[in-house]
Amino acid sequence: EVEWRGVSIAATGPADAAIMVLVDCPDKDDGAAGM
């Protein structure tokens, strides 16, 4: 995604979490919030 426009949003949450949630991509409003 390095050439794509927009903000790169990092994963969040504990490194040893029992549950991981994986979505497709950030939504339009996520870039402004940074999450």
PDB file of all heavy atoms in Angstrom:
ATOM      1  N   GLU A   1       0.796  -1.221   0.000  1.00  0.00           N
ATOM      2  CA  GLU A   1       0.000   0.000   0.000  1.00  0.00           C
ATOM      3  C   GLU A   1       0.836   1.281   0.000  1.00  0.00           C
ATOM      4  O   GLU A   1       0.285   2.379   0.115  1.00  0.00           O
ATOM      5  CB  GLU A   1      -0.922   0.051   1.229  1.00  0.00           C
ATOM      6  CG  GLU A   1      -1.714  -1.217   1.483  1.00  0.00           C
ATOM      7  CD  GLU A   1      -1.037  -2.117   2.508  1.00  0.00           C
ATOM      8  OE1 GLU A   1       0.209  -2.229   2.462  1.00  0.00           O
ATOM      9  OE2 GLU A   1      -1.758  -2.679   3.343  1.00  0.00           O
ATOM     10  N   VAL A   2       2.151   1.166  -0.132  1.00  0.00           N
ATOM     11  CA  VAL A   2       3.020   2.326   0.075  1.00  0.00           C
ATOM     12  C   VAL A   2       2.680   3.476  -0.870  1.00  0.00           C
ATOM     13  O   VAL A   2       2.809   4.655  -0.498  1.00  0.00           O
ATOM     14  CB  VAL A   2       4.507   1.914  -0.081  1.00  0.00           C
ATOM     15  CG1 VAL A   2       4.809   1.445  -1.490  1.00  0.00           C
ATOM     16  CG2 VAL A   2       5.427   3.054   0.319  1.00  0.00           C
ATOM     17  N   GLU A   3       2.211   3.191  -2.085  1.00  0.00           N
ATOM     18  CA  GLU A   3       1.895   4.254  -3.038  1.00  0.00           C
ATOM     19  C   GLU A   3       0.455   4.747  -2.930  1.00  0.00           C
ATOM     20  O   GLU A   3       0.065   5.676  -3.638  1.00  0.00           O
ATOM     21  CB  GLU A   3       2.147   3.758  -4.475  1.00  0.00           C
ATOM     22  CG  GLU A   3       3.569   3.317  -4.756  1.00  0.00           C
ATOM     23  CD  GLU A   3       4.568   4.466  -4.663  1.00  0.00           C
ATOM     24  OE1 GLU A   3       4.122   5.625  -4.834  1.00  0.00           O
ATOM     25  OE2 GLU A   3       5.760   4.223  -4.420  1.00  0.00           O
ATOM     26  N   TRP A   4      -0.332   4.120  -2.083  1.00  0.00           N
ATOM     27  CA  TRP A   4      -1.732   4.527  -1.957  1.00  0.00           C
ATOM     28  C   TRP A   4      -1.833   5.847  -1.191  1.00  0.00           C
ATOM     29  O   TRP A   4      -1.003   6.159  -0.331  1.00  0.00           O
ATOM     30  CB  TRP A   4      -2.536   3.467  -1.217  1.00  0.00           C
ATOM     31  CG  TRP A   4      -2.582   2.129  -1.877  1.00  0.00           C
ATOM     32  CD1 TRP A   4      -1.918   1.730  -3.002  1.00  0.00           C
ATOM     33  CD2 TRP A   4      -3.317   0.988  -1.424  1.00  0.00           C
ATOM     34  NE1 TRP A   4      -2.210   0.425  -3.283  1.00  0.00           N
ATOM     35  CE2 TRP A   4      -3.059  -0.058  -2.340  1.00  0.00           C
ATOM     36  CE3 TRP A   4      -4.174   0.762  -0.352  1.00  0.00           C
ATOM     37  CZ2 TRP A   4      -3.627  -1.319  -2.199  1.00  0.00           C
ATOM     38  CZ3 TRP A   4      -4.742  -0.494  -0.202  1.00  0.00           C
ATOM     39  CH2 TRP A   4      -4.481  -1.515  -1.117  1.00  0.00           C
ATOM     40  N   ARG A   5      -2.882   6.582  -1.473  1.00  0.00           N
ATOM     41  CA  ARG A   5      -3.144   7.802  -0.721  1.00  0.00           C
ATOM     42  C   ARG A   5      -3.732   7.460   0.638  1.00  0.00           C
ATOM     43  O   ARG A   5      -4.258   6.383   0.846  1.00  0.00           O
ATOM     44  CB  ARG A   5      -4.109   8.687  -1.488  1.00  0.00           C
ATOM     45  CG  ARG A   5      -3.569   9.231  -2.798  1.00  0.00           C
ATOM     46  CD  ARG A   5      -4.588  10.119  -3.474  1.00  0.00           C
ATOM     47  NE  ARG A   5      -4.084  10.676  -4.728  1.00  0.00           N
ATOM     48  CZ  ARG A   5      -4.783  11.489  -5.508  1.00  0.00           C
ATOM     49  NH1 ARG A   5      -6.018  11.839  -5.151  1.00  0.00           N
ATOM     50  NH2 ARG A   5      -4.249  11.951  -6.627  1.00  0.00           N
ATOM     51  N   GLY A   6      -3.656   8.404   1.545  1.00  0.00           N
ATOM     52  CA  GLY A   6      -4.272   8.200   2.839  1.00  0.00           C
ATOM     53  C   GLY A   6      -3.286   7.837   3.932  1.00  0.00           C
ATOM     54  O   GLY A   6      -2.078   7.777   3.734  1.00  0.00           O
ATOM     55  N   VAL A   7      -3.860   7.590   5.089  1.00  0.00           N
ATOM     56  CA  VAL A   7      -3.082   7.312   6.297  1.00  0.00           C
ATOM     57  C   VAL A   7      -3.006   5.813   6.533  1.00  0.00           C
ATOM     58  O   VAL A   7      -4.001   5.103   6.401  1.00  0.00           O
ATOM     59  CB  VAL A   7      -3.733   8.005   7.511  1.00  0.00           C
ATOM     60  CG1 VAL A   7      -2.974   7.700   8.788  1.00  0.00           C
ATOM     61  CG2 VAL A   7      -3.808   9.511   7.271  1.00  0.00           C
ATOM     62  N   SER A   8      -1.826   5.340   6.887  1.00  0.00           N
ATOM     63  CA  SER A   8      -1.660   3.939   7.252  1.00  0.00           C
ATOM     64  C   SER A   8      -2.035   3.778   8.728  1.00  0.00           C
ATOM     65  O   SER A   8      -1.493   4.461   9.595  1.00  0.00           O
ATOM     66  CB  SER A   8      -0.205   3.499   7.035  1.00  0.00           C
ATOM     67  OG  SER A   8      -0.026   2.153   7.392  1.00  0.00           O
ATOM     68  N   ILE A   9      -2.969   2.870   8.997  1.00  0.00           N
ATOM     69  CA  ILE A   9      -3.452   2.686  10.365  1.00  0.00           C
ATOM     70  C   ILE A   9      -2.926   1.375  10.924  1.00  0.00           C
ATOM     71  O   ILE A   9      -3.136   0.295  10.339  1.00  0.00           O
ATOM     72  CB  ILE A   9      -4.992   2.706  10.406  1.00  0.00           C
ATOM     73  CG1 ILE A   9      -5.500   4.064   9.889  1.00  0.00           C
ATOM     74  CG2 ILE A   9      -5.499   2.456  11.808  1.00  0.00           C
ATOM     75  CD1 ILE A   9      -6.994   4.209   9.912  1.00  0.00           C
ATOM     76  N   ALA A  10      -2.243   1.471  12.023  1.00  0.00           N
ATOM     77  CA  ALA A  10      -1.603   0.303  12.621  1.00  0.00           C
ATOM     78  C   ALA A  10      -2.599  -0.523  13.416  1.00  0.00           C
ATOM     79  O   ALA A  10      -3.642  -0.043  13.857  1.00  0.00           O
ATOM     80  CB  ALA A  10      -0.464   0.746  13.533  1.00  0.00           C
ATOM     81  N   ALA A  11      -2.244  -1.789  13.603  1.00  0.00           N
ATOM     82  CA  ALA A  11      -3.032  -2.679  14.450  1.00  0.00           C
ATOM     83  C   ALA A  11      -2.953  -2.221  15.895  1.00  0.00           C
ATOM     84  O   ALA A  11      -1.974  -1.584  16.315  1.00  0.00           O
ATOM     85  CB  ALA A  11      -2.516  -4.107  14.325  1.00  0.00           C
ATOM     86  N   THR A  12      -3.972  -2.538  16.663  1.00  0.00           N
ATOM     87  CA  THR A  12      -4.015  -2.162  18.074  1.00  0.00           C
ATOM     88  C   THR A  12      -4.412  -3.367  18.921  1.00  0.00           C
ATOM     89  O   THR A  12      -4.986  -4.328  18.416  1.00  0.00           O
ATOM     90  CB  THR A  12      -5.026  -1.030  18.325  1.00  0.00           C
ATOM     91  OG1 THR A  12      -6.332  -1.447  17.867  1.00  0.00           O
ATOM     92  CG2 THR A  12      -4.631   0.230  17.568  1.00  0.00           C
ATOM     93  N   GLY A  13      -4.111  -3.272  20.212  1.00  0.00           N
ATOM     94  CA  GLY A  13      -4.519  -4.322  21.130  1.00  0.00           C
ATOM     95  C   GLY A  13      -3.359  -5.139  21.651  1.00  0.00           C
ATOM     96  O   GLY A  13      -2.233  -5.046  21.161  1.00  0.00           O
ATOM     97  N   PRO A  14      -3.602  -5.943  22.674  1.00  0.00           N
ATOM     98  CA  PRO A  14      -2.548  -6.734  23.304  1.00  0.00           C
ATOM     99  C   PRO A  14      -1.860  -7.685  22.325  1.00  0.00           C
ATOM    100  O   PRO A  14      -2.497  -8.231  21.411  1.00  0.00           O
ATOM    101  CB  PRO A  14      -3.297  -7.518  24.396  1.00  0.00           C
ATOM    102  CG  PRO A  14      -4.565  -6.755  24.615  1.00  0.00           C
ATOM    103  CD  PRO A  14      -4.922  -6.151  23.310  1.00  0.00           C
ATOM    104  N   ALA A  15      -0.577  -7.871  22.529  1.00  0.00           N
ATOM    105  CA  ALA A  15       0.186  -8.791  21.685  1.00  0.00           C
ATOM    106  C   ALA A  15      -0.189 -10.245  21.942  1.00  0.00           C
ATOM    107  O   ALA A  15       0.031 -11.105  21.095  1.00  0.00           O
ATOM    108  CB  ALA A  15       1.686  -8.591  21.931  1.00  0.00           C
ATOM    109  N   ASP A  16      -0.735 -10.502  23.128  1.00  0.00           N
ATOM    110  CA  ASP A  16      -1.099 -11.881  23.500  1.00  0.00           C
ATOM    111  C   ASP A  16      -2.619 -12.046  23.599  1.00  0.00           C
ATOM    112  O   ASP A  16      -3.113 -12.881  24.363  1.00  0.00           O
ATOM    113  CB  ASP A  16      -0.440 -12.273  24.810  1.00  0.00           C
ATOM    114  CG  ASP A  16      -0.831 -11.342  25.965  1.00  0.00           C
ATOM    115  OD1 ASP A  16      -1.440 -10.282  25.692  1.00  0.00           O
ATOM    116  OD2 ASP A  16      -0.526 -11.677  27.124  1.00  0.00           O
ATOM    117  N   ALA A  17      -3.358 -11.266  22.830  1.00  0.00           N
ATOM    118  CA  ALA A  17      -4.821 -11.316  22.906  1.00  0.00           C
ATOM    119  C   ALA A  17      -5.344 -12.696  22.534  1.00  0.00           C
ATOM    120  O   ALA A  17      -4.842 -13.349  21.617  1.00  0.00           O
ATOM    121  CB  ALA A  17      -5.428 -10.268  21.971  1.00  0.00           C
ATOM    122  N   ALA A  18      -6.372 -13.125  23.230  1.00  0.00           N
ATOM    123  CA  ALA A  18      -6.994 -14.417  22.922  1.00  0.00           C
ATOM    124  C   ALA A  18      -7.869 -14.323  21.684  1.00  0.00           C
ATOM    125  O   ALA A  18      -8.076 -15.315  20.981  1.00  0.00           O
ATOM    126  CB  ALA A  18      -7.834 -14.897  24.107  1.00  0.00           C
ATOM    127  N   ILE A  19      -8.376 -13.120  21.410  1.00  0.00           N
ATOM    128  CA  ILE A  19      -9.242 -12.886  20.255  1.00  0.00           C
ATOM    129  C   ILE A  19      -8.602 -11.828  19.359  1.00  0.00           C
ATOM    130  O   ILE A  19      -8.225 -10.751  19.819  1.00  0.00           O
ATOM    131  CB  ILE A  19     -10.646 -12.400  20.668  1.00  0.00           C
ATOM    132  CG1 ILE A  19     -11.306 -13.389  21.623  1.00  0.00           C
ATOM    133  CG2 ILE A  19     -11.511 -12.177  19.427  1.00  0.00           C
ATOM    134  CD1 ILE A  19     -11.639 -14.736  21.000  1.00  0.00           C
ATOM    135  N   MET A  20      -8.494 -12.149  18.077  1.00  0.00           N
ATOM    136  CA  MET A  20      -8.024 -11.179  17.082  1.00  0.00           C
ATOM    137  C   MET A  20      -9.151 -10.947  16.090  1.00  0.00           C
ATOM    138  O   MET A  20      -9.841 -11.880  15.680  1.00  0.00           O
ATOM    139  CB  MET A  20      -6.784 -11.704  16.353  1.00  0.00           C
ATOM    140  CG  MET A  20      -6.250 -10.782  15.270  1.00  0.00           C
ATOM    141  SD  MET A  20      -4.679 -11.414  14.599  1.00  0.00           S
ATOM    142  CE  MET A  20      -4.371 -10.203  13.308  1.00  0.00           C
ATOM    143  N   VAL A  21      -9.360  -9.689  15.723  1.00  0.00           N
ATOM    144  CA  VAL A  21     -10.381  -9.327  14.734  1.00  0.00           C
ATOM    145  C   VAL A  21      -9.668  -8.741  13.522  1.00  0.00           C
ATOM    146  O   VAL A  21      -8.854  -7.818  13.653  1.00  0.00           O
ATOM    147  CB  VAL A  21     -11.389  -8.317  15.304  1.00  0.00           C
ATOM    148  CG1 VAL A  21     -12.418  -7.949  14.238  1.00  0.00           C
ATOM    149  CG2 VAL A  21     -12.079  -8.883  16.545  1.00  0.00           C
ATOM    150  N   LEU A  22      -9.996  -9.271  12.352  1.00  0.00           N
ATOM    151  CA  LEU A  22      -9.376  -8.804  11.113  1.00  0.00           C
ATOM    152  C   LEU A  22     -10.465  -8.287  10.181  1.00  0.00           C
ATOM    153  O   LEU A  22     -11.389  -9.021   9.817  1.00  0.00           O
ATOM    154  CB  LEU A  22      -8.607  -9.939  10.442  1.00  0.00           C
ATOM    155  CG  LEU A  22      -7.775  -9.569   9.215  1.00  0.00           C
ATOM    156  CD1 LEU A  22      -6.598  -8.682   9.616  1.00  0.00           C
ATOM    157  CD2 LEU A  22      -7.261 -10.816   8.498  1.00  0.00           C
ATOM    158  N   VAL A  23     -10.363  -7.010   9.811  1.00  0.00           N
ATOM    159  CA  VAL A  23     -11.314  -6.397   8.878  1.00  0.00           C
ATOM    160  C   VAL A  23     -10.619  -6.214   7.531  1.00  0.00           C
ATOM    161  O   VAL A  23      -9.426  -6.482   7.386  1.00  0.00           O
ATOM    162  CB  VAL A  23     -11.837  -5.050   9.416  1.00  0.00           C
ATOM    163  CG1 VAL A  23     -12.556  -5.267  10.739  1.00  0.00           C
ATOM    164  CG2 VAL A  23     -10.706  -4.039   9.588  1.00  0.00           C
ATOM    165  N   ASP A  24     -11.373  -5.720   6.542  1.00  0.00           N
ATOM    166  CA  ASP A  24     -10.785  -5.583   5.215  1.00  0.00           C
ATOM    167  C   ASP A  24      -9.858  -4.378   5.099  1.00  0.00           C
ATOM    168  O   ASP A  24      -8.714  -4.509   4.661  1.00  0.00           O
ATOM    169  CB  ASP A  24     -11.895  -5.512   4.157  1.00  0.00           C
ATOM    170  CG  ASP A  24     -12.983  -4.486   4.493  1.00  0.00           C
ATOM    171  OD1 ASP A  24     -12.859  -3.803   5.534  1.00  0.00           O
ATOM    172  OD2 ASP A  24     -13.947  -4.371   3.724  1.00  0.00           O
ATOM    173  N   CYS A  25     -10.336  -3.206   5.516  1.00  0.00           N
ATOM    174  CA  CYS A  25      -9.559  -1.980   5.360  1.00  0.00           C
ATOM    175  C   CYS A  25     -10.145  -0.889   6.229  1.00  0.00           C
ATOM    176  O   CYS A  25     -11.264  -1.026   6.745  1.00  0.00           O
ATOM    177  CB  CYS A  25      -9.554  -1.530   3.893  1.00  0.00           C
ATOM    178  SG  CYS A  25     -11.190  -1.064   3.273  1.00  0.00           S
ATOM    179  N   PRO A  26      -9.434   0.205   6.414  1.00  0.00           N
ATOM    180  CA  PRO A  26     -10.012   1.328   7.170  1.00  0.00           C
ATOM    181  C   PRO A  26     -11.218   1.912   6.435  1.00  0.00           C
ATOM    182  O   PRO A  26     -11.287   1.891   5.199  1.00  0.00           O
ATOM    183  CB  PRO A  26      -8.862   2.338   7.217  1.00  0.00           C
ATOM    184  CG  PRO A  26      -7.621   1.527   6.988  1.00  0.00           C
ATOM    185  CD  PRO A  26      -8.026   0.439   6.055  1.00  0.00           C
ATOM    186  N   ASP A  27     -12.164   2.422   7.184  1.00  0.00           N
ATOM    187  CA  ASP A  27     -13.278   3.155   6.600  1.00  0.00           C
ATOM    188  C   ASP A  27     -12.851   4.599   6.325  1.00  0.00           C
ATOM    189  O   ASP A  27     -11.767   5.038   6.735  1.00  0.00           O
ATOM    190  CB  ASP A  27     -14.489   3.118   7.534  1.00  0.00           C
ATOM    191  CG  ASP A  27     -15.216   1.781   7.474  1.00  0.00           C
ATOM    192  OD1 ASP A  27     -15.103   1.093   6.432  1.00  0.00           O
ATOM    193  OD2 ASP A  27     -15.884   1.421   8.462  1.00  0.00           O
ATOM    194  N   LYS A  28     -13.706   5.351   5.653  1.00  0.00           N
ATOM    195  CA  LYS A  28     -13.356   6.719   5.257  1.00  0.00           C
ATOM    196  C   LYS A  28     -13.002   7.598   6.452  1.00  0.00           C
ATOM    197  O   LYS A  28     -12.105   8.440   6.376  1.00  0.00           O
ATOM    198  CB  LYS A  28     -14.510   7.339   4.477  1.00  0.00           C
ATOM    199  CG  LYS A  28     -14.761   6.688   3.121  1.00  0.00           C
ATOM    200  CD  LYS A  28     -15.914   7.357   2.401  1.00  0.00           C
ATOM    201  CE  LYS A  28     -16.159   6.723   1.044  1.00  0.00           C
ATOM    202  NZ  LYS A  28     -17.295   7.353   0.317  1.00  0.00           N
ATOM    203  N   ASP A  29     -13.729   7.429   7.559  1.00  0.00           N
ATOM    204  CA  ASP A  29     -13.509   8.298   8.720  1.00  0.00           C
ATOM    205  C   ASP A  29     -12.358   7.833   9.610  1.00  0.00           C
ATOM    206  O   ASP A  29     -11.951   8.577  10.518  1.00  0.00           O
ATOM    207  CB  ASP A  29     -14.784   8.375   9.560  1.00  0.00           C
ATOM    208  CG  ASP A  29     -15.949   8.975   8.788  1.00  0.00           C
ATOM    209  OD1 ASP A  29     -15.691   9.765   7.860  1.00  0.00           O
ATOM    210  OD2 ASP A  29     -17.110   8.653   9.122  1.00  0.00           O
ATOM    211  N   ASP A  30     -11.839   6.642   9.363  1.00  0.00           N
ATOM    212  CA  ASP A  30     -10.821   6.091  10.255  1.00  0.00           C
ATOM    213  C   ASP A  30      -9.502   6.851  10.176  1.00  0.00           C
ATOM    214  O   ASP A  30      -8.766   6.945  11.162  1.00  0.00           O
ATOM    215  CB  ASP A  30     -10.584   4.614   9.942  1.00  0.00           C
ATOM    216  CG  ASP A  30     -11.783   3.748  10.277  1.00  0.00           C
ATOM    217  OD1 ASP A  30     -12.716   4.252  10.928  1.00  0.00           O
ATOM    218  OD2 ASP A  30     -11.782   2.565   9.890  1.00  0.00           O
ATOM    219  N   GLY A  31      -9.191   7.384   8.977  1.00  0.00           N
ATOM    220  CA  GLY A  31      -7.918   8.091   8.818  1.00  0.00           C
ATOM    221  C   GLY A  31      -7.807   9.296   9.720  1.00  0.00           C
ATOM    222  O   GLY A  31      -6.768   9.537  10.342  1.00  0.00           O
ATOM    223  N   ALA A  32      -8.886  10.063   9.817  1.00  0.00           N
ATOM    224  CA  ALA A  32      -8.869  11.256  10.674  1.00  0.00           C
ATOM    225  C   ALA A  32      -8.728  10.892  12.136  1.00  0.00           C
ATOM    226  O   ALA A  32      -8.072  11.601  12.915  1.00  0.00           O
ATOM    227  CB  ALA A  32     -10.148  12.066  10.449  1.00  0.00           C
ATOM    228  N   ALA A  33      -9.327   9.769  12.522  1.00  0.00           N
ATOM    229  CA  ALA A  33      -9.259   9.326  13.919  1.00  0.00           C
ATOM    230  C   ALA A  33      -7.958   8.585  14.218  1.00  0.00           C
ATOM    231  O   ALA A  33      -7.575   8.444  15.384  1.00  0.00           O
ATOM    232  CB  ALA A  33     -10.458   8.440  14.236  1.00  0.00           C
ATOM    233  N   GLY A  34      -7.296   8.075  13.167  1.00  0.00           N
ATOM    234  CA  GLY A  34      -6.054   7.333  13.370  1.00  0.00           C
ATOM    235  C   GLY A  34      -6.269   5.958  13.970  1.00  0.00           C
ATOM    236  O   GLY A  34      -5.354   5.385  14.559  1.00  0.00           O
ATOM    237  N   MET A  35      -7.466   5.401  13.808  1.00  0.00           N
ATOM    238  CA  MET A  35      -7.760   4.082  14.335  1.00  0.00           C
ATOM    239  C   MET A  35      -8.841   3.420  13.490  1.00  0.00           C
ATOM    240  O   MET A  35      -9.585   4.093  12.765  1.00  0.00           O
ATOM    241  CB  MET A  35      -8.222   4.167  15.793  1.00  0.00           C
ATOM    242  CG  MET A  35      -9.472   5.007  15.995  1.00  0.00           C
ATOM    243  SD  MET A  35      -9.977   5.162  17.733  1.00  0.00           S
ATOM    244  CE  MET A  35     -10.459   3.493  18.101  1.00  0.00           C
TER     245      MET A  35
END
